[in-house]
Protein backbone atom coordinates (compact mmCIF):
# COMPACT_ATOMS: atom_id res chain seq x y z
CA UNK A 1 -0.19 0.42 -0.14
CA UNK A 2 1.18 3.57 -0.95
CA UNK A 3 1.79 6.38 1.33
CA UNK A 4 -0.80 7.93 -0.35
CA UNK A 5 -3.66 5.37 -0.24
CA UNK A 6 -3.09 5.02 3.56
CA UNK A 7 -3.14 8.73 3.82
CA UNK A 8 -6.17 8.95 3.04
CA UNK A 9 -7.80 5.76 4.74
CA UNK A 10 -6.42 6.98 7.46
CA UNK A 11 -8.55 10.77 6.73
CA UNK A 12 -11.37 8.74 5.40
CA UNK A 13 -11.83 7.39 9.43
CA UNK A 14 -10.93 10.44 10.71
CA UNK A 15 -13.61 12.62 9.05
CA UNK A 16 -15.80 9.57 9.33
CA UNK A 17 -16.54 9.86 5.69
CA UNK A 18 -19.59 7.28 4.34
CA UNK A 19 -18.95 4.66 1.94
CA UNK A 20 -20.24 6.72 -1.33
CA UNK A 21 -18.21 9.18 0.14
CA UNK A 22 -15.55 7.18 -0.40
CA UNK A 23 -15.66 5.87 -3.63
CA UNK A 24 -15.96 9.31 -4.96
CA UNK A 25 -12.32 9.82 -2.84
CA UNK A 26 -10.61 7.54 -4.13
CA UNK A 27 -12.10 8.01 -7.82
CA UNK A 28 -10.85 11.52 -7.55
CA UNK A 29 -7.39 10.54 -6.00
CA UNK A 30 -3.80 12.60 -6.93
CA UNK A 31 -3.05 8.75 -7.87
CA UNK A 32 -1.19 9.21 -11.71
CA UNK A 33 -3.92 7.27 -12.97
CA UNK A 34 -7.59 7.27 -14.44
CA UNK A 35 -9.98 6.30 -12.07
CA UNK A 36 -11.28 2.37 -12.71
CA UNK A 37 -14.61 2.06 -14.76
CA UNK A 38 -16.05 -0.94 -12.31
CA UNK A 39 -15.46 2.39 -9.54
CA UNK A 40 -17.27 4.61 -11.87
CA UNK A 41 -20.28 1.94 -12.06
CA UNK A 42 -20.23 1.16 -8.85
CA UNK A 43 -20.80 5.72 -8.16
CA UNK A 44 -23.05 5.52 -11.20
CA UNK A 45 -25.36 3.18 -9.35
CA UNK A 46 -25.34 4.93 -6.41
CA UNK A 47 -26.51 7.94 -7.68
CA UNK A 48 -30.02 6.17 -7.47
CA UNK A 49 -30.93 6.71 -4.18
CA UNK A 50 -31.65 9.12 -2.75
CA UNK A 51 -29.50 9.78 0.06
CA UNK A 52 -26.42 7.82 -1.49
CA UNK A 53 -26.79 11.11 -4.17
CA UNK A 54 -26.78 13.35 -2.32
CA UNK A 55 -23.47 12.25 -0.60
CA UNK A 56 -22.51 11.18 -4.11
CA UNK A 57 -22.71 14.84 -5.63
CA UNK A 58 -21.52 16.71 -2.98
CA UNK A 59 -17.94 14.96 -2.50
CA UNK A 60 -17.48 15.83 -6.04
CA UNK A 61 -18.62 19.44 -5.75
CA UNK A 62 -15.58 19.43 -2.74
CA UNK A 63 -13.51 18.07 -5.26
CA UNK A 64 -13.70 19.75 -7.79
CA UNK A 65 -13.26 23.70 -5.98
CA UNK A 66 -9.86 22.02 -5.36
CA UNK A 67 -7.02 23.59 -7.28
CA UNK A 68 -2.84 24.20 -7.56
CA UNK A 69 -1.21 20.92 -6.76
CA UNK A 70 -4.79 19.03 -6.16
CA UNK A 71 -5.49 19.52 -10.12
CA UNK A 72 -5.99 15.76 -10.83
CA UNK A 73 -8.43 15.76 -7.78
CA UNK A 74 -10.88 18.17 -10.40
CA UNK A 75 -9.47 16.70 -14.08
CA UNK A 76 -10.94 13.36 -12.20
CA UNK A 77 -14.08 15.07 -10.58
CA UNK A 78 -14.44 16.24 -14.44
CA UNK A 79 -14.67 12.86 -15.81
CA UNK A 80 -16.23 11.24 -13.67
CA UNK A 81 -18.94 13.65 -14.28
CA UNK A 82 -18.76 13.37 -17.63
CA UNK A 83 -19.67 9.53 -16.60
CA UNK A 84 -22.26 9.89 -14.12
CA UNK A 85 -24.17 12.54 -16.34
CA UNK A 86 -24.41 9.55 -19.06
CA UNK A 87 -24.45 6.68 -17.03
CA UNK A 88 -26.26 7.73 -13.58
CA UNK A 89 -29.49 9.43 -12.53
CA UNK A 90 -31.17 11.81 -14.66
CA UNK A 91 -30.84 14.06 -11.10
CA UNK A 92 -26.59 14.09 -12.28
CA UNK A 93 -27.33 16.46 -15.43
CA UNK A 94 -30.34 18.41 -13.41
CA UNK A 95 -28.06 19.34 -10.30
CA UNK A 96 -25.08 19.77 -13.00
CA UNK A 97 -27.21 22.20 -15.00
CA UNK A 98 -28.56 24.56 -11.85
CA UNK A 99 -24.67 24.54 -10.57
CA UNK A 100 -24.07 25.19 -14.44
CA UNK A 101 -21.26 28.47 -13.38
CA UNK A 102 -19.11 26.30 -10.83
CA UNK A 103 -18.49 24.14 -14.21
CA UNK A 104 -17.64 26.80 -16.62
CA UNK A 105 -16.15 28.96 -14.06
CA UNK A 106 -12.91 25.93 -14.26
CA UNK A 107 -12.67 27.04 -18.28
CA UNK A 108 -9.79 29.72 -16.92
CA UNK A 109 -8.45 27.17 -14.75
CA UNK A 110 -4.58 27.34 -14.28
CA UNK A 111 -1.42 25.30 -13.11
CA UNK A 112 1.87 25.05 -13.83
CA UNK A 113 3.55 22.29 -12.55
CA UNK A 114 7.91 22.40 -10.97
CA UNK A 115 8.08 21.66 -15.16
CA UNK A 116 6.79 23.80 -16.65
CA UNK A 117 3.79 22.14 -18.13
CA UNK A 118 0.55 23.06 -18.05
CA UNK A 119 -1.53 20.77 -15.80
CA UNK A 120 -4.98 23.09 -16.91
CA UNK A 121 -4.81 22.99 -20.27
CA UNK A 122 -6.78 18.86 -19.44
CA UNK A 123 -9.42 20.80 -17.19
CA UNK A 124 -10.14 23.28 -19.73
CA UNK A 125 -10.84 20.65 -22.62
CA UNK A 126 -12.69 18.36 -19.79
CA UNK A 127 -14.57 21.71 -18.97
CA UNK A 128 -15.75 22.23 -22.84
CA UNK A 129 -17.17 18.77 -23.89
CA UNK A 130 -19.35 18.45 -19.78
CA UNK A 131 -20.37 22.04 -20.80
CA UNK A 132 -21.19 21.12 -24.62
CA UNK A 133 -22.96 18.07 -23.34
CA UNK A 134 -24.95 19.73 -20.74
CA UNK A 135 -26.01 21.27 -23.28
CA UNK A 136 -27.28 19.53 -26.08
CA UNK A 137 -30.60 17.84 -24.71
CA UNK A 138 -30.39 15.45 -28.10
CA UNK A 139 -26.82 14.50 -27.59
CA UNK A 140 -27.31 14.27 -23.91
CA UNK A 141 -30.11 11.90 -25.08
CA UNK A 142 -28.13 9.61 -27.20
CA UNK A 143 -24.69 9.53 -24.75
CA UNK A 144 -27.41 8.32 -22.41
CA UNK A 145 -29.14 5.31 -24.39
CA UNK A 146 -25.84 3.86 -25.73
CA UNK A 147 -24.19 4.42 -22.22
CA UNK A 148 -27.26 2.29 -21.01
CA UNK A 149 -26.79 -0.27 -23.34
CA UNK A 150 -23.21 -1.15 -23.20
CA UNK A 151 -23.75 -0.87 -19.32
CA UNK A 152 -26.58 -3.47 -19.76
CA UNK A 153 -24.01 -6.18 -22.37
CA UNK A 154 -21.57 -5.96 -20.15
CA UNK A 155 -23.59 -6.64 -16.57
CA UNK A 156 -24.80 -9.71 -18.89
CA UNK A 157 -21.82 -10.84 -20.06
CA UNK A 158 -20.57 -10.68 -16.76
CA UNK A 159 -23.44 -12.74 -14.93
CA UNK A 160 -23.03 -15.75 -17.33
CA UNK A 161 -19.03 -15.92 -16.40
CA UNK A 162 -20.44 -16.93 -12.94
CA UNK A 163 -20.13 -12.84 -11.67
CA UNK A 164 -22.52 -11.60 -9.50
CA UNK A 165 -22.64 -7.87 -10.31
CA UNK A 166 -25.64 -6.55 -9.87
CA UNK A 167 -27.42 -5.46 -13.48
CA UNK A 168 -28.10 -1.66 -14.51
CA UNK A 169 -31.18 -2.28 -15.68
CA UNK A 170 -32.64 -3.39 -11.76
CA UNK A 171 -31.55 0.28 -10.81
CA UNK A 172 -31.09 -0.70 -7.16
CA UNK A 173 -28.42 0.45 -4.98
CA UNK A 174 -25.57 -2.44 -4.34
CA UNK A 175 -25.60 -1.11 -0.50
CA UNK A 176 -29.20 -2.49 0.35
CA UNK A 177 -32.31 -0.89 2.18
CA UNK A 178 -29.42 -0.39 5.05
CA UNK A 179 -27.46 2.07 3.03
CA UNK A 180 -29.77 4.65 5.29
CA UNK A 181 -28.55 4.61 8.99
CA UNK A 182 -26.18 6.10 10.79
CA UNK A 183 -22.57 6.55 8.91
CA UNK A 184 -20.11 5.85 11.62
CA UNK A 185 -22.04 3.29 13.43
CA UNK A 186 -20.50 -0.31 13.72
CA UNK A 187 -23.53 -1.92 11.99
CA UNK A 188 -22.94 0.18 8.96
CA UNK A 189 -19.79 -0.78 8.21
CA UNK A 190 -19.79 -3.97 9.79
CA UNK A 191 -23.19 -4.82 8.18
CA UNK A 192 -24.32 -7.51 5.23
CA UNK A 193 -25.09 -4.07 3.11
CA UNK A 194 -21.02 -3.14 3.08
CA UNK A 195 -19.63 -4.02 -0.04
CA UNK A 196 -16.85 -6.01 0.12
CA UNK A 197 -14.03 -4.22 -1.11
CA UNK A 198 -14.99 -1.88 1.25
CA UNK A 199 -14.55 -3.92 4.21
CA UNK A 200 -10.87 -5.56 2.60
CA UNK A 201 -10.25 -1.16 2.21
CA UNK A 202 -11.06 -1.18 6.13
CA UNK A 203 -8.86 -4.22 6.36
CA UNK A 204 -6.10 -2.86 3.93
CA UNK A 205 -5.82 0.39 6.37
CA UNK A 206 -5.77 -1.58 9.47
CA UNK A 207 -2.04 -1.73 10.95
CA UNK A 208 -0.40 -4.58 11.45
CA UNK A 209 2.49 -3.69 13.02
CA UNK A 210 3.77 -1.11 15.45
CA UNK A 211 5.62 0.50 13.04
CA UNK A 212 2.85 0.74 10.93
CA UNK A 213 0.15 1.81 13.52
CA UNK A 214 3.19 4.53 14.97
CA UNK A 215 3.18 6.28 11.13
CA UNK A 216 -0.86 5.82 11.00
CA UNK A 217 -0.34 8.30 14.43
CA UNK A 218 1.65 10.60 13.14
CA UNK A 219 -0.24 10.79 10.07
CA UNK A 220 -3.59 11.61 11.39
CA UNK A 221 -1.53 14.82 13.90
CA UNK A 222 -0.19 15.75 10.76
CA UNK A 223 -3.74 16.33 8.95
CA UNK A 224 -5.15 17.33 12.10
CA UNK A 225 -2.13 20.15 12.38
CA UNK A 226 -2.65 20.81 8.62
CA UNK A 227 -6.26 21.31 9.55
CA UNK A 228 -5.56 23.96 11.99
CA UNK A 229 -3.24 25.36 10.00
CA UNK A 230 -4.99 25.68 6.81
CA UNK A 231 -5.54 29.72 5.56
CA UNK A 232 -8.84 30.64 5.00
CA UNK A 233 -9.59 30.95 1.35
CA UNK A 234 -9.03 33.93 0.06
CA UNK A 235 -12.27 36.31 -1.26
CA UNK A 236 -12.91 36.90 -5.31
CA UNK A 237 -12.73 40.16 -6.00
CA UNK A 238 -16.55 38.95 -7.38
CA UNK A 239 -17.56 38.08 -3.02
CA UNK A 240 -15.91 41.73 -2.91
CA UNK A 241 -18.05 43.40 -5.11
CA UNK A 242 -21.05 41.84 -4.14
CA UNK A 243 -20.18 43.29 -0.46
CA UNK A 244 -19.83 46.49 -1.32
CA UNK A 245 -22.96 46.33 -2.98
CA UNK A 246 -25.57 45.43 -0.16
CA UNK A 247 -23.12 47.20 1.96
CA UNK A 248 -23.72 50.68 -0.44
CA UNK A 249 -27.86 49.61 -0.29
CA UNK A 250 -27.58 49.27 3.03
CA UNK A 251 -26.32 52.53 4.00
CA UNK A 252 -28.67 54.11 1.04
CA UNK A 253 -31.47 52.74 3.13
CA UNK A 254 -30.87 54.18 6.05
CA UNK A 255 -29.97 56.96 4.74
CA UNK A 256 -33.29 56.98 3.25
CA UNK A 257 -35.11 55.73 6.26
CA UNK A 258 -33.22 59.57 8.28
CA UNK A 259 -34.47 61.18 5.50
CA UNK A 260 -38.38 60.32 5.66
CA UNK A 261 -38.12 60.74 9.70
CA UNK A 262 -36.95 64.47 8.84
CA UNK A 263 -39.21 65.31 6.37
CA UNK A 264 -41.90 63.38 8.95
CA UNK A 265 -40.76 66.26 12.03
CA UNK A 266 -40.54 68.92 9.92
CA UNK A 267 -44.18 68.82 8.49
CA UNK A 268 -45.69 68.45 11.97
CA UNK A 269 -42.98 71.50 13.00
CA UNK A 270 -44.62 73.12 10.16
CA UNK A 271 -47.95 72.42 10.65
CA UNK A 272 -47.87 73.39 14.38
CA UNK A 273 -46.33 76.83 13.12
CA UNK A 274 -49.09 77.37 10.75
CA UNK A 275 -51.73 76.92 13.32
CA UNK A 276 -50.23 78.80 15.75
CA UNK A 277 -50.10 81.54 13.02
CA UNK A 278 -53.80 81.32 12.04
CA UNK A 279 -54.79 81.24 15.86
CA UNK A 280 -53.32 84.84 15.97
CA UNK A 281 -54.73 86.36 13.19
CA UNK A 282 -58.36 84.54 13.89
CA UNK A 283 -58.06 86.58 17.32
CA UNK A 284 -56.36 89.75 15.38
CA UNK A 285 -59.68 89.51 14.09
CA UNK A 286 -61.65 89.17 16.50
CA UNK A 287 -60.48 91.72 18.31
CA UNK A 288 -60.49 94.31 15.08
CA UNK A 289 -64.39 93.25 14.83
CA UNK A 290 -65.09 94.48 18.32
CA UNK A 291 -63.21 97.65 18.50
CA UNK A 292 -65.33 98.22 15.06
CA UNK A 293 -68.63 97.64 17.04
CA UNK A 294 -68.70 99.83 19.74
CA UNK A 295 -67.04 102.97 17.24
CA UNK A 296 -70.55 103.36 15.12
CA UNK A 297 -72.51 102.81 18.36
CA UNK A 298 -71.27 105.23 20.47
CA UNK A 299 -70.56 105.18 23.91
CA UNK A 300 -72.97 102.91 26.35
CA UNK A 301 -76.09 104.56 27.92
CA UNK A 302 -75.50 106.95 30.83
CA UNK A 303 -76.11 105.23 34.54
CA UNK A 304 -79.69 104.63 35.04
CA UNK A 305 -79.93 106.30 38.70
CA UNK A 306 -79.22 109.64 39.29
CA UNK A 307 -77.83 109.56 42.24
CA UNK A 308 -75.26 106.03 41.63
CA UNK A 309 -71.47 107.83 42.38
CA UNK A 310 -69.65 110.12 39.87
CA UNK A 311 -73.00 110.39 38.13
CA UNK A 312 -74.15 114.84 38.50
CA UNK A 313 -77.91 116.04 38.18
CA UNK A 314 -77.61 116.94 34.55
CA UNK A 315 -77.42 113.63 33.50
CA UNK A 316 -81.13 113.23 35.04
CA UNK A 317 -82.29 115.91 32.71
CA UNK A 318 -80.67 114.66 29.77
CA UNK A 319 -84.62 113.91 28.48
CA UNK A 320 -86.51 117.17 27.92
CA UNK A 321 -88.87 115.75 26.12
CA UNK A 322 -90.04 113.94 29.12
CA UNK A 323 -89.31 116.31 32.18
CA UNK A 324 -91.08 119.10 30.68
CA UNK A 325 -94.76 117.73 30.70
CA UNK A 326 -94.31 116.01 33.84
CA UNK A 327 -93.79 119.09 35.36
CA UNK A 328 -95.88 121.16 33.81
CA UNK A 329 -98.80 118.67 35.06
CA UNK A 330 -97.24 118.54 38.63
CA UNK A 331 -97.34 122.83 38.48
CA UNK A 332 -101.29 122.36 36.60
CA UNK A 333 -103.03 119.45 37.92
CA UNK A 334 -105.72 120.41 35.71
CA UNK A 335 -103.92 121.38 32.64
CA UNK A 336 -103.83 116.93 32.18
CA UNK A 337 -107.14 116.93 30.33
CA UNK A 338 -105.63 119.08 27.47
CA UNK A 339 -102.78 117.38 27.56
CA UNK A 340 -104.59 113.83 26.67
CA UNK A 341 -107.12 115.76 24.90
CA UNK A 342 -103.94 116.42 22.55
CA UNK A 343 -104.61 120.28 23.16
CA UNK A 344 -102.41 122.94 24.20
CA UNK A 345 -102.74 123.80 27.80
CA UNK A 346 -101.96 127.26 27.47
CA UNK A 347 -104.64 127.77 24.23
CA UNK A 348 -107.88 129.21 25.99
CA UNK A 349 -111.14 127.13 26.66
CA UNK A 350 -113.36 127.72 24.01
CA UNK A 351 -117.14 126.53 25.04
């Protein structure tokens, strides 16, 4: 067993990867050879299981996000993805079309190794093939039909030779109904539903000697230290622009709220000032009306009692048309009949 394979198996146990994730990691490893067809066929069968499908696609997207020295992860993940689009569940195609932008960004993948060789050219070419297949519906149907016939023929040949390989047309998971159980439990690793390949890998991963056990321990410590010291992924310019736009939008929204609040307070203050000015104008208008009424009717009537304080006796004689007949009647009592008859008492009486 190579050091890279041992390291990968230790990481599988440390991170508690599921069986589907382990198969994808094995198919997309950094080993300098392509993924085996038999392993990709097993992964394609897993895509028809709901739980396994999510685990398979999750690990593939993780591999596609690698870069630099792990360029083989990216290239093998694209190779596996191309195989799954042709032979796996149709949900693979749907999810790839939903995440088309993630695949398209790999068209600009760049990596030059120590020997000056551009290893990114293979990835860029593979991306073009996958993109063309996803965008051409008719070609995709033909490729899937051809791949299905090829796989069914190989399955029939395997069954004829005594192999127990599961036929593709059954659309069943090779792990049976027990596959969806919690990963990491002893039953999930040792149950009869587990594949012999997975069990043999675990057996090989177990240390046989003290030296191998010490090596695995050192590898585990090194991986733990590497994970802890791993720098945070740099923020791309697109993310920075989005964050800047979001910050500007929030700042603009806050400014608009402050302006609306200031305008509301200003309108209330203006209304209060207008109401105060209107009240003053009404009061002034009412005072003017009162003054005009006093000037029109003249001064008020004198006091009715001539003996009131401050009232002179001249004010009692202010009505000569009433006082003179009264005085005449007092001096000449017999003249009352002349007054009532309308004759003047000063004229001589004619019999």
